[in-house]
Amino acid sequence: MQHYRVELPGPKVTKEVPSDARVRLEVQRAEFNKLAEGGTSGWRRAFTVGSAKASGPAEILQLIQRVVDRQDERDRTRRAQQR
């Protein structure tokens, strides 16, 4: 298993074991590469089907969920305005 540190905002990604990590993400490398190219819908699907898993404090995971939900809403609004 490979370990990466993702610092936000940024993101700044480095290949190291993050000793102060608060959230742990488990996903196959090939799947991660596909997800990194796309938007939030791919990530949402990966978590739904179980090919990606996250663990950590519940309040941080809930915060991430709210941020993703809001970004999805902004994306839907932009698409609707462009039509």
PDB file of N, CA and C in Angstrom:
ATOM      1  N   MET A   1       0.856  -1.178   0.000  1.00  0.00           N
ATOM      2  CA  MET A   1       0.000   0.000   0.000  1.00  0.00           C
ATOM      3  C   MET A   1       0.898   1.236   0.000  1.00  0.00           C
ATOM      4  N   GLN A   2       0.558   2.177  -0.837  1.00  0.00           N
ATOM      5  CA  GLN A   2       1.309   3.424  -0.886  1.00  0.00           C
ATOM      6  C   GLN A   2       0.611   4.480  -0.051  1.00  0.00           C
ATOM      7  N   HIS A   3       1.404   5.355   0.528  1.00  0.00           N
ATOM      8  CA  HIS A   3       0.862   6.411   1.374  1.00  0.00           C
ATOM      9  C   HIS A   3       1.202   7.759   0.760  1.00  0.00           C
ATOM     10  N   TYR A   4       0.218   8.634   0.753  1.00  0.00           N
ATOM     11  CA  TYR A   4       0.395   9.980   0.243  1.00  0.00           C
ATOM     12  C   TYR A   4      -0.126  10.969   1.257  1.00  0.00           C
ATOM     13  N   ARG A   5       0.482  12.102   1.286  1.00  0.00           N
ATOM     14  CA  ARG A   5       0.026  13.203   2.133  1.00  0.00           C
ATOM     15  C   ARG A   5      -0.609  14.231   1.205  1.00  0.00           C
ATOM     16  N   VAL A   6      -1.849  14.603   1.495  1.00  0.00           N
ATOM     17  CA  VAL A   6      -2.552  15.620   0.720  1.00  0.00           C
ATOM     18  C   VAL A   6      -2.823  16.784   1.644  1.00  0.00           C
ATOM     19  N   GLU A   7      -2.242  17.934   1.333  1.00  0.00           N
ATOM     20  CA  GLU A   7      -2.440  19.126   2.152  1.00  0.00           C
ATOM     21  C   GLU A   7      -3.398  20.064   1.429  1.00  0.00           C
ATOM     22  N   LEU A   8      -4.356  20.586   2.171  1.00  0.00           N
ATOM     23  CA  LEU A   8      -5.326  21.521   1.627  1.00  0.00           C
ATOM     24  C   LEU A   8      -5.235  22.829   2.377  1.00  0.00           C
ATOM     25  N   PRO A   9      -5.545  23.975   1.797  1.00  0.00           N
ATOM     26  CA  PRO A   9      -5.935  24.098   0.401  1.00  0.00           C
ATOM     27  C   PRO A   9      -4.741  23.846  -0.505  1.00  0.00           C
ATOM     28  N   GLY A  10      -5.016  23.590  -1.688  1.00  0.00           N
ATOM     29  CA  GLY A  10      -3.989  23.272  -2.672  1.00  0.00           C
ATOM     30  C   GLY A  10      -4.623  22.558  -3.839  1.00  0.00           C
ATOM     31  N   PRO A  11      -4.590  21.313  -3.887  1.00  0.00           N
ATOM     32  CA  PRO A  11      -3.925  20.378  -2.976  1.00  0.00           C
ATOM     33  C   PRO A  11      -2.434  20.243  -3.277  1.00  0.00           C
ATOM     34  N   LYS A  12      -1.676  19.972  -2.257  1.00  0.00           N
ATOM     35  CA  LYS A  12      -0.255  19.676  -2.371  1.00  0.00           C
ATOM     36  C   LYS A  12      -0.117  18.196  -2.001  1.00  0.00           C
ATOM     37  N   VAL A  13       0.348  17.377  -2.943  1.00  0.00           N
ATOM     38  CA  VAL A  13       0.443  15.941  -2.732  1.00  0.00           C
ATOM     39  C   VAL A  13       1.904  15.540  -2.704  1.00  0.00           C
ATOM     40  N   THR A  14       2.300  14.832  -1.644  1.00  0.00           N
ATOM     41  CA  THR A  14       3.658  14.300  -1.538  1.00  0.00           C
ATOM     42  C   THR A  14       3.570  12.829  -1.170  1.00  0.00           C
ATOM     43  N   LYS A  15       4.605  12.093  -1.521  1.00  0.00           N
ATOM     44  CA  LYS A  15       4.632  10.655  -1.254  1.00  0.00           C
ATOM     45  C   LYS A  15       5.370  10.439   0.067  1.00  0.00           C
ATOM     46  N   GLU A  16       4.610  10.318   1.132  1.00  0.00           N
ATOM     47  CA  GLU A  16       5.188  10.109   2.454  1.00  0.00           C
ATOM     48  C   GLU A  16       4.126   9.556   3.392  1.00  0.00           C
ATOM     49  N   VAL A  17       4.568   9.032   4.504  1.00  0.00           N
ATOM     50  CA  VAL A  17       3.637   8.558   5.527  1.00  0.00           C
ATOM     51  C   VAL A  17       3.247   9.766   6.374  1.00  0.00           C
ATOM     52  N   PRO A  18       1.986  10.167   6.337  1.00  0.00           N
ATOM     53  CA  PRO A  18       1.557  11.341   7.096  1.00  0.00           C
ATOM     54  C   PRO A  18       1.355  10.996   8.570  1.00  0.00           C
ATOM     55  N   SER A  19       2.265  11.404   9.402  1.00  0.00           N
ATOM     56  CA  SER A  19       2.196  11.068  10.825  1.00  0.00           C
ATOM     57  C   SER A  19       1.069  11.804  11.553  1.00  0.00           C
ATOM     58  N   ASP A  20       0.630  12.926  11.000  1.00  0.00           N
ATOM     59  CA  ASP A  20      -0.418  13.708  11.664  1.00  0.00           C
ATOM     60  C   ASP A  20      -1.750  13.621  10.928  1.00  0.00           C
ATOM     61  N   ALA A  21      -1.951  12.571  10.163  1.00  0.00           N
ATOM     62  CA  ALA A  21      -3.179  12.420   9.372  1.00  0.00           C
ATOM     63  C   ALA A  21      -4.400  12.325  10.270  1.00  0.00           C
ATOM     64  N   ARG A  22      -5.478  12.983   9.858  1.00  0.00           N
ATOM     65  CA  ARG A  22      -6.733  12.917  10.601  1.00  0.00           C
ATOM     66  C   ARG A  22      -7.760  12.071   9.872  1.00  0.00           C
ATOM     67  N   VAL A  23      -7.632  11.974   8.544  1.00  0.00           N
ATOM     68  CA  VAL A  23      -8.546  11.168   7.733  1.00  0.00           C
ATOM     69  C   VAL A  23      -7.717  10.207   6.902  1.00  0.00           C
ATOM     70  N   ARG A  24      -8.166   8.965   6.839  1.00  0.00           N
ATOM     71  CA  ARG A  24      -7.474   7.945   6.052  1.00  0.00           C
ATOM     72  C   ARG A  24      -8.393   7.519   4.920  1.00  0.00           C
ATOM     73  N   LEU A  25      -7.864   7.529   3.706  1.00  0.00           N
ATOM     74  CA  LEU A  25      -8.607   7.151   2.509  1.00  0.00           C
ATOM     75  C   LEU A  25      -8.011   5.871   1.958  1.00  0.00           C
ATOM     76  N   GLU A  26      -8.869   4.882   1.716  1.00  0.00           N
ATOM     77  CA  GLU A  26      -8.433   3.614   1.152  1.00  0.00           C
ATOM     78  C   GLU A  26      -9.066   3.442  -0.217  1.00  0.00           C
ATOM     79  N   VAL A  27      -8.224   3.359  -1.248  1.00  0.00           N
ATOM     80  CA  VAL A  27      -8.706   3.186  -2.616  1.00  0.00           C
ATOM     81  C   VAL A  27      -7.558   2.579  -3.428  1.00  0.00           C
ATOM     82  N   GLN A  28      -7.893   1.701  -4.363  1.00  0.00           N
ATOM     83  CA  GLN A  28      -6.877   1.103  -5.225  1.00  0.00           C
ATOM     84  C   GLN A  28      -6.221   2.202  -6.065  1.00  0.00           C
ATOM     85  N   ARG A  29      -4.924   2.035  -6.351  1.00  0.00           N
ATOM     86  CA  ARG A  29      -4.187   3.069  -7.073  1.00  0.00           C
ATOM     87  C   ARG A  29      -4.801   3.359  -8.445  1.00  0.00           C
ATOM     88  N   ALA A  30      -5.154   2.320  -9.201  1.00  0.00           N
ATOM     89  CA  ALA A  30      -5.730   2.533 -10.531  1.00  0.00           C
ATOM     90  C   ALA A  30      -7.037   3.311 -10.427  1.00  0.00           C
ATOM     91  N   GLU A  31      -7.842   2.980  -9.432  1.00  0.00           N
ATOM     92  CA  GLU A  31      -9.111   3.685  -9.212  1.00  0.00           C
ATOM     93  C   GLU A  31      -8.848   5.128  -8.814  1.00  0.00           C
ATOM     94  N   PHE A  32      -7.859   5.352  -7.962  1.00  0.00           N
ATOM     95  CA  PHE A  32      -7.514   6.706  -7.532  1.00  0.00           C
ATOM     96  C   PHE A  32      -7.126   7.564  -8.729  1.00  0.00           C
ATOM     97  N   ASN A  33      -6.317   6.999  -9.628  1.00  0.00           N
ATOM     98  CA  ASN A  33      -5.887   7.759 -10.805  1.00  0.00           C
ATOM     99  C   ASN A  33      -7.085   8.180 -11.652  1.00  0.00           C
ATOM    100  N   LYS A  34      -8.062   7.302 -11.810  1.00  0.00           N
ATOM    101  CA  LYS A  34      -9.276   7.646 -12.563  1.00  0.00           C
ATOM    102  C   LYS A  34     -10.069   8.730 -11.836  1.00  0.00           C
ATOM    103  N   LEU A  35     -10.206   8.576 -10.531  1.00  0.00           N
ATOM    104  CA  LEU A  35     -10.992   9.523  -9.744  1.00  0.00           C
ATOM    105  C   LEU A  35     -10.342  10.902  -9.713  1.00  0.00           C
ATOM    106  N   ALA A  36      -9.014  10.936  -9.700  1.00  0.00           N
ATOM    107  CA  ALA A  36      -8.300  12.207  -9.639  1.00  0.00           C
ATOM    108  C   ALA A  36      -8.539  13.053 -10.886  1.00  0.00           C
ATOM    109  N   GLU A  37      -8.844  12.421 -12.009  1.00  0.00           N
ATOM    110  CA  GLU A  37      -9.089  13.152 -13.252  1.00  0.00           C
ATOM    111  C   GLU A  37     -10.494  13.723 -13.326  1.00  0.00           C
ATOM    112  N   GLY A  38     -11.436  13.110 -12.613  1.00  0.00           N
ATOM    113  CA  GLY A  38     -12.839  13.506 -12.722  1.00  0.00           C
ATOM    114  C   GLY A  38     -13.275  14.447 -11.625  1.00  0.00           C
ATOM    115  N   GLY A  39     -14.582  14.626 -11.558  1.00  0.00           N
ATOM    116  CA  GLY A  39     -15.174  15.496 -10.548  1.00  0.00           C
ATOM    117  C   GLY A  39     -15.677  14.704  -9.359  1.00  0.00           C
ATOM    118  N   THR A  40     -16.541  15.336  -8.600  1.00  0.00           N
ATOM    119  CA  THR A  40     -17.021  14.730  -7.363  1.00  0.00           C
ATOM    120  C   THR A  40     -17.950  13.548  -7.609  1.00  0.00           C
ATOM    121  N   SER A  41     -18.610  13.488  -8.762  1.00  0.00           N
ATOM    122  CA  SER A  41     -19.558  12.394  -9.005  1.00  0.00           C
ATOM    123  C   SER A  41     -18.861  11.035  -9.009  1.00  0.00           C
ATOM    124  N   GLY A  42     -17.658  10.965  -9.546  1.00  0.00           N
ATOM    125  CA  GLY A  42     -16.916   9.708  -9.535  1.00  0.00           C
ATOM    126  C   GLY A  42     -16.558   9.271  -8.128  1.00  0.00           C
ATOM    127  N   TRP A  43     -16.165  10.231  -7.305  1.00  0.00           N
ATOM    128  CA  TRP A  43     -15.838   9.916  -5.916  1.00  0.00           C
ATOM    129  C   TRP A  43     -17.078   9.437  -5.179  1.00  0.00           C
ATOM    130  N   ARG A  44     -18.187  10.129  -5.398  1.00  0.00           N
ATOM    131  CA  ARG A  44     -19.439   9.748  -4.732  1.00  0.00           C
ATOM    132  C   ARG A  44     -19.805   8.309  -5.090  1.00  0.00           C
ATOM    133  N   ARG A  45     -19.694   7.972  -6.374  1.00  0.00           N
ATOM    134  CA  ARG A  45     -19.998   6.609  -6.839  1.00  0.00           C
ATOM    135  C   ARG A  45     -19.047   5.598  -6.196  1.00  0.00           C
ATOM    136  N   ALA A  46     -17.752   5.930  -6.120  1.00  0.00           N
ATOM    137  CA  ALA A  46     -16.764   5.018  -5.538  1.00  0.00           C
ATOM    138  C   ALA A  46     -17.079   4.713  -4.076  1.00  0.00           C
ATOM    139  N   PHE A  47     -17.509   5.724  -3.330  1.00  0.00           N
ATOM    140  CA  PHE A  47     -17.877   5.498  -1.932  1.00  0.00           C
ATOM    141  C   PHE A  47     -19.167   4.705  -1.819  1.00  0.00           C
ATOM    142  N   THR A  48     -20.096   4.948  -2.734  1.00  0.00           N
ATOM    143  CA  THR A  48     -21.378   4.241  -2.713  1.00  0.00           C
ATOM    144  C   THR A  48     -21.202   2.753  -2.967  1.00  0.00           C
ATOM    145  N   VAL A  49     -20.381   2.397  -3.948  1.00  0.00           N
ATOM    146  CA  VAL A  49     -20.185   0.980  -4.291  1.00  0.00           C
ATOM    147  C   VAL A  49     -19.124   0.316  -3.426  1.00  0.00           C
ATOM    148  N   GLY A  50     -18.377   1.092  -2.644  1.00  0.00           N
ATOM    149  CA  GLY A  50     -17.405   0.515  -1.724  1.00  0.00           C
ATOM    150  C   GLY A  50     -15.996   0.377  -2.259  1.00  0.00           C
ATOM    151  N   SER A  51     -15.693   0.939  -3.432  1.00  0.00           N
ATOM    152  CA  SER A  51     -14.329   0.849  -3.943  1.00  0.00           C
ATOM    153  C   SER A  51     -13.426   1.898  -3.311  1.00  0.00           C
ATOM    154  N   ALA A  52     -14.009   2.835  -2.585  1.00  0.00           N
ATOM    155  CA  ALA A  52     -13.255   3.819  -1.810  1.00  0.00           C
ATOM    156  C   ALA A  52     -13.872   3.872  -0.411  1.00  0.00           C
ATOM    157  N   LYS A  53     -12.999   3.977   0.584  1.00  0.00           N
ATOM    158  CA  LYS A  53     -13.454   4.049   1.972  1.00  0.00           C
ATOM    159  C   LYS A  53     -12.655   5.122   2.694  1.00  0.00           C
ATOM    160  N   ALA A  54     -13.309   5.820   3.613  1.00  0.00           N
ATOM    161  CA  ALA A  54     -12.643   6.841   4.412  1.00  0.00           C
ATOM    162  C   ALA A  54     -12.920   6.567   5.881  1.00  0.00           C
ATOM    163  N   SER A  55     -11.922   6.840   6.703  1.00  0.00           N
ATOM    164  CA  SER A  55     -12.101   6.701   8.143  1.00  0.00           C
ATOM    165  C   SER A  55     -11.444   7.888   8.825  1.00  0.00           C
ATOM    166  N   GLY A  56     -11.958   8.221   9.973  1.00  0.00           N
ATOM    167  CA  GLY A  56     -11.445   9.347  10.737  1.00  0.00           C
ATOM    168  C   GLY A  56     -12.547   9.884  11.629  1.00  0.00           C
ATOM    169  N   PRO A  57     -12.295  11.021  12.280  1.00  0.00           N
ATOM    170  CA  PRO A  57     -13.314  11.606  13.153  1.00  0.00           C
ATOM    171  C   PRO A  57     -14.592  11.917  12.371  1.00  0.00           C
ATOM    172  N   ALA A  58     -15.723  11.555  12.952  1.00  0.00           N
ATOM    173  CA  ALA A  58     -17.018  11.728  12.281  1.00  0.00           C
ATOM    174  C   ALA A  58     -17.264  13.167  11.874  1.00  0.00           C
ATOM    175  N   GLU A  59     -16.878  14.132  12.707  1.00  0.00           N
ATOM    176  CA  GLU A  59     -17.142  15.536  12.381  1.00  0.00           C
ATOM    177  C   GLU A  59     -16.353  15.983  11.147  1.00  0.00           C
ATOM    178  N   ILE A  60     -15.170  15.460  10.953  1.00  0.00           N
ATOM    179  CA  ILE A  60     -14.378  15.817   9.764  1.00  0.00           C
ATOM    180  C   ILE A  60     -14.975  15.161   8.522  1.00  0.00           C
ATOM    181  N   LEU A  61     -15.370  13.900   8.637  1.00  0.00           N
ATOM    182  CA  LEU A  61     -15.991  13.214   7.500  1.00  0.00           C
ATOM    183  C   LEU A  61     -17.298  13.898   7.104  1.00  0.00           C
ATOM    184  N   GLN A  62     -18.079  14.353   8.091  1.00  0.00           N
ATOM    185  CA  GLN A  62     -19.328  15.068   7.799  1.00  0.00           C
ATOM    186  C   GLN A  62     -19.044  16.406   7.131  1.00  0.00           C
ATOM    187  N   LEU A  63     -17.991  17.084   7.566  1.00  0.00           N
ATOM    188  CA  LEU A  63     -17.608  18.352   6.950  1.00  0.00           C
ATOM    189  C   LEU A  63     -17.240  18.135   5.483  1.00  0.00           C
ATOM    190  N   ILE A  64     -16.480  17.106   5.213  1.00  0.00           N
ATOM    191  CA  ILE A  64     -16.105  16.789   3.832  1.00  0.00           C
ATOM    192  C   ILE A  64     -17.362  16.521   3.008  1.00  0.00           C
ATOM    193  N   GLN A  65     -18.298  15.773   3.562  1.00  0.00           N
ATOM    194  CA  GLN A  65     -19.550  15.472   2.857  1.00  0.00           C
ATOM    195  C   GLN A  65     -20.322  16.752   2.529  1.00  0.00           C
ATOM    196  N   ARG A  66     -20.392  17.678   3.485  1.00  0.00           N
ATOM    197  CA  ARG A  66     -21.102  18.937   3.240  1.00  0.00           C
ATOM    198  C   ARG A  66     -20.419  19.768   2.158  1.00  0.00           C
ATOM    199  N   VAL A  67     -19.096  19.794   2.169  1.00  0.00           N
ATOM    200  CA  VAL A  67     -18.347  20.540   1.153  1.00  0.00           C
ATOM    201  C   VAL A  67     -18.602  19.953  -0.230  1.00  0.00           C
ATOM    202  N   VAL A  68     -18.575  18.630  -0.332  1.00  0.00           N
ATOM    203  CA  VAL A  68     -18.831  17.966  -1.618  1.00  0.00           C
ATOM    204  C   VAL A  68     -20.265  18.240  -2.078  1.00  0.00           C
ATOM    205  N   ASP A  69     -21.218  18.154  -1.170  1.00  0.00           N
ATOM    206  CA  ASP A  69     -22.616  18.429  -1.523  1.00  0.00           C
ATOM    207  C   ASP A  69     -22.774  19.853  -2.051  1.00  0.00           C
ATOM    208  N   ARG A  70     -22.143  20.807  -1.398  1.00  0.00           N
ATOM    209  CA  ARG A  70     -22.241  22.204  -1.833  1.00  0.00           C
ATOM    210  C   ARG A  70     -21.584  22.412  -3.191  1.00  0.00           C
ATOM    211  N   GLN A  71     -20.452  21.750  -3.421  1.00  0.00           N
ATOM    212  CA  GLN A  71     -19.788  21.867  -4.720  1.00  0.00           C
ATOM    213  C   GLN A  71     -20.664  21.276  -5.817  1.00  0.00           C
ATOM    214  N   ASP A  72     -21.285  20.148  -5.542  1.00  0.00           N
ATOM    215  CA  ASP A  72     -22.201  19.548  -6.514  1.00  0.00           C
ATOM    216  C   ASP A  72     -23.355  20.502  -6.823  1.00  0.00           C
ATOM    217  N   GLU A  73     -23.884  21.147  -5.807  1.00  0.00           N
ATOM    218  CA  GLU A  73     -24.981  22.094  -6.015  1.00  0.00           C
ATOM    219  C   GLU A  73     -24.520  23.274  -6.864  1.00  0.00           C
ATOM    220  N   ARG A  74     -23.325  23.803  -6.609  1.00  0.00           N
ATOM    221  CA  ARG A  74     -22.798  24.905  -7.421  1.00  0.00           C
ATOM    222  C   ARG A  74     -22.629  24.462  -8.869  1.00  0.00           C
ATOM    223  N   ASP A  75     -22.137  23.245  -9.078  1.00  0.00           N
ATOM    224  CA  ASP A  75     -21.964  22.727 -10.435  1.00  0.00           C
ATOM    225  C   ASP A  75     -23.304  22.611 -11.153  1.00  0.00           C
ATOM    226  N   ARG A  76     -24.329  22.108 -10.468  1.00  0.00           N
ATOM    227  CA  ARG A  76     -25.660  21.997 -11.066  1.00  0.00           C
ATOM    228  C   ARG A  76     -26.214  23.374 -11.419  1.00  0.00           C
ATOM    229  N   THR A  77     -26.013  24.342 -10.544  1.00  0.00           N
ATOM    230  CA  THR A  77     -26.495  25.700 -10.787  1.00  0.00           C
ATOM    231  C   THR A  77     -25.809  26.304 -12.007  1.00  0.00           C
ATOM    232  N   ARG A  78     -24.487  26.122 -12.121  1.00  0.00           N
ATOM    233  CA  ARG A  78     -23.749  26.641 -13.276  1.00  0.00           C
ATOM    234  C   ARG A  78     -24.242  26.023 -14.574  1.00  0.00           C
ATOM    235  N   ARG A  79     -24.465  24.702 -14.568  1.00  0.00           N
ATOM    236  CA  ARG A  79     -24.942  24.026 -15.775  1.00  0.00           C
ATOM    237  C   ARG A  79     -26.326  24.529 -16.161  1.00  0.00           C
ATOM    238  N   ALA A  80     -27.187  24.747 -15.173  1.00  0.00           N
ATOM    239  CA  ALA A  80     -28.530  25.232 -15.447  1.00  0.00           C
ATOM    240  C   ALA A  80     -28.495  26.653 -16.013  1.00  0.00           C
ATOM    241  N   GLN A  81     -27.602  27.493 -15.532  1.00  0.00           N
ATOM    242  CA  GLN A  81     -27.503  28.865 -16.004  1.00  0.00           C
ATOM    243  C   GLN A  81     -26.929  28.931 -17.416  1.00  0.00           C
ATOM    244  N   GLN A  82     -26.116  27.971 -17.787  1.00  0.00           N
ATOM    245  CA  GLN A  82     -25.510  27.947 -19.122  1.00  0.00           C
ATOM    246  C   GLN A  82     -26.497  27.524 -20.196  1.00  0.00           C
ATOM    247  N   ARG A  83     -27.581  26.903 -19.823  1.00  0.00           N
ATOM    248  CA  ARG A  83     -28.567  26.421 -20.803  1.00  0.00           C
ATOM    249  C   ARG A  83     -29.454  27.490 -21.278  1.00  0.00           C
TER     250      ARG A  83
END
